[in-house]
Structure formats: structure tokens, C-alpha cells
C-alpha atoms as a PDB file:
ATOM      1  CA  MET A   1      19.783 -56.004 137.408  1.00  0.00           C
ATOM      2  CA  ILE A   2      16.951 -57.977 135.848  1.00  0.00           C
ATOM      3  CA  SER A   3      13.705 -58.271 137.795  1.00  0.00           C
ATOM      4  CA  HIS A   4      10.361 -60.013 137.236  1.00  0.00           C
ATOM      5  CA  PHE A   5      11.947 -62.559 134.882  1.00  0.00           C
ATOM      6  CA  GLN A   6       9.353 -64.718 133.123  1.00  0.00           C
ATOM      7  CA  LEU A   7       9.656 -67.314 130.400  1.00  0.00           C
ATOM      8  CA  LYS A   8       7.183 -69.254 128.286  1.00  0.00           C
ATOM      9  CA  PRO A   9       7.823 -71.995 125.739  1.00  0.00           C
ATOM     10  CA  LEU A  10       8.245 -70.677 122.221  1.00  0.00           C
ATOM     11  CA  TYR A  11       6.392 -73.660 120.726  1.00  0.00           C
ATOM     12  CA  LYS A  12       3.239 -75.472 121.796  1.00  0.00           C
ATOM     13  CA  ASN A  13       5.245 -78.709 121.734  1.00  0.00           C
ATOM     14  CA  ASN A  14       7.301 -78.141 124.900  1.00  0.00           C
ATOM     15  CA  GLN A  15       9.937 -80.603 123.699  1.00  0.00           C
ATOM     16  CA  LEU A  16      11.115 -78.130 121.060  1.00  0.00           C
ATOM     17  CA  PRO A  17      13.511 -75.729 122.759  1.00  0.00           C
ATOM     18  CA  GLY A  18      12.995 -71.977 122.594  1.00  0.00           C
ATOM     19  CA  TRP A  19      11.445 -69.476 124.991  1.00  0.00           C
ATOM     20  CA  HIS A  20       9.719 -66.113 125.049  1.00  0.00           C
ATOM     21  CA  LEU A  21      11.318 -63.971 127.756  1.00  0.00           C
ATOM     22  CA  SER A  22      10.018 -60.883 129.491  1.00  0.00           C
ATOM     23  CA  PHE A  23      11.598 -58.945 132.332  1.00  0.00           C
ATOM     24  CA  PHE A  24      12.356 -55.465 133.635  1.00  0.00           C
ATOM     25  CA  TYR A  25      15.753 -53.800 133.392  1.00  0.00           C
ATOM     26  CA  LYS A  26      16.266 -50.282 134.739  1.00  0.00           C
ATOM     27  CA  GLY A  27      12.493 -49.880 134.955  1.00  0.00           C
ATOM     28  CA  GLN A  28      11.863 -50.778 131.304  1.00  0.00           C
ATOM     29  CA  ASN A  29       9.865 -53.847 130.287  1.00  0.00           C
ATOM     30  CA  LEU A  30      11.931 -55.864 127.799  1.00  0.00           C
ATOM     31  CA  LYS A  31      11.061 -58.864 125.661  1.00  0.00           C
ATOM     32  CA  ALA A  32      13.235 -61.316 123.782  1.00  0.00           C
ATOM     33  CA  ILE A  33      13.349 -64.814 122.349  1.00  0.00           C
ATOM     34  CA  TYR A  34      15.904 -67.254 123.721  1.00  0.00           C
ATOM     35  CA  HIS A  35      16.890 -69.825 121.109  1.00  0.00           C
ATOM     36  CA  LYS A  36      18.123 -73.354 121.832  1.00  0.00           C
ATOM     37  CA  ASP A  37      21.671 -72.391 120.835  1.00  0.00           C
ATOM     38  CA  GLY A  38      21.754 -69.612 123.453  1.00  0.00           C
ATOM     39  CA  ARG A  39      21.243 -66.838 120.923  1.00  0.00           C
ATOM     40  CA  ILE A  40      18.997 -64.022 122.126  1.00  0.00           C
ATOM     41  CA  GLU A  41      16.727 -62.288 119.631  1.00  0.00           C
ATOM     42  CA  TRP A  42      15.774 -58.879 120.973  1.00  0.00           C
ATOM     43  CA  ASP A  43      12.485 -57.094 120.550  1.00  0.00           C
ATOM     44  CA  PRO A  44      12.889 -54.155 118.123  1.00  0.00           C
ATOM     45  CA  SER A  45      12.287 -51.711 120.993  1.00  0.00           C
ATOM     46  CA  PHE A  46      15.574 -52.778 122.678  1.00  0.00           C
ATOM     47  CA  SER A  47      17.671 -49.622 122.901  1.00  0.00           C
ATOM     48  CA  TYR A  48      20.457 -50.203 125.431  1.00  0.00           C
ATOM     49  CA  SER A  49      24.180 -49.780 124.879  1.00  0.00           C
ATOM     50  CA  ASP A  50      26.394 -52.726 123.940  1.00  0.00           C
ATOM     51  CA  GLU A  51      27.742 -52.721 127.515  1.00  0.00           C
ATOM     52  CA  ASP A  52      24.250 -52.989 129.019  1.00  0.00           C
ATOM     53  CA  LYS A  53      23.296 -55.600 126.420  1.00  0.00           C
ATOM     54  CA  GLN A  54      26.271 -57.730 127.444  1.00  0.00           C
ATOM     55  CA  LYS A  55      25.366 -57.408 131.150  1.00  0.00           C
ATOM     56  CA  ILE A  56      21.759 -58.372 130.436  1.00  0.00           C
ATOM     57  CA  GLU A  57      22.751 -61.365 128.311  1.00  0.00           C
ATOM     58  CA  ILE A  58      25.044 -62.710 131.043  1.00  0.00           C
ATOM     59  CA  GLN A  59      22.184 -62.493 133.553  1.00  0.00           C
ATOM     60  CA  ILE A  60      19.756 -64.157 131.140  1.00  0.00           C
ATOM     61  CA  HIS A  61      22.129 -67.070 130.495  1.00  0.00           C
ATOM     62  CA  GLU A  62      22.512 -67.569 134.272  1.00  0.00           C
ATOM     63  CA  LEU A  63      18.740 -67.467 134.787  1.00  0.00           C
ATOM     64  CA  MET A  64      18.141 -69.913 131.957  1.00  0.00           C
ATOM     65  CA  LEU A  65      20.669 -72.332 133.461  1.00  0.00           C
ATOM     66  CA  PHE A  66      18.811 -72.135 136.761  1.00  0.00           C
ATOM     67  CA  HIS A  67      15.225 -72.301 135.445  1.00  0.00           C
ATOM     68  CA  VAL A  68      15.513 -74.551 132.411  1.00  0.00           C
ATOM     69  CA  TYR A  69      18.708 -76.532 132.215  1.00  0.00           C
ATOM     70  CA  GLU A  70      19.097 -77.734 135.812  1.00  0.00           C
END
């Protein structure tokens, strides 16, 4: 489960969509960029399995719906 989820605008002009994300998953601090099309660009240090990656991405999409799109 994701904890300590934080997001910041990717651009100084807040009207341009895109966000820097940071959060903890299984005790590891992870960073990513969330693009306006829902694509997630992972930090090069991301080293989880495809199964974990899918679980994380589902949680991120839910959090983004809650924090940004509602």
C-alpha cells in the first residue's frame, strides 16, 4: 500500500497538467511523473516486479482522481 503520497505541479504554470509524485511503498521512497494522459514515468531507481508496478499504478490513478480530478 502507498503511504505519504505527495504531488507537486510539473510546470510552474499550474494550468498545464503534469505532476511530480513521491510516496513510500514497502518502506522504499519512490518518485515518478504523472502525465496528463495518465502515463506514469518512473524514476530510474524503480525496481519492483510487473505485478507490484501494476498494483502501484492502480493506487496512483485512484489517488489522482481523488486529489486532482474531483
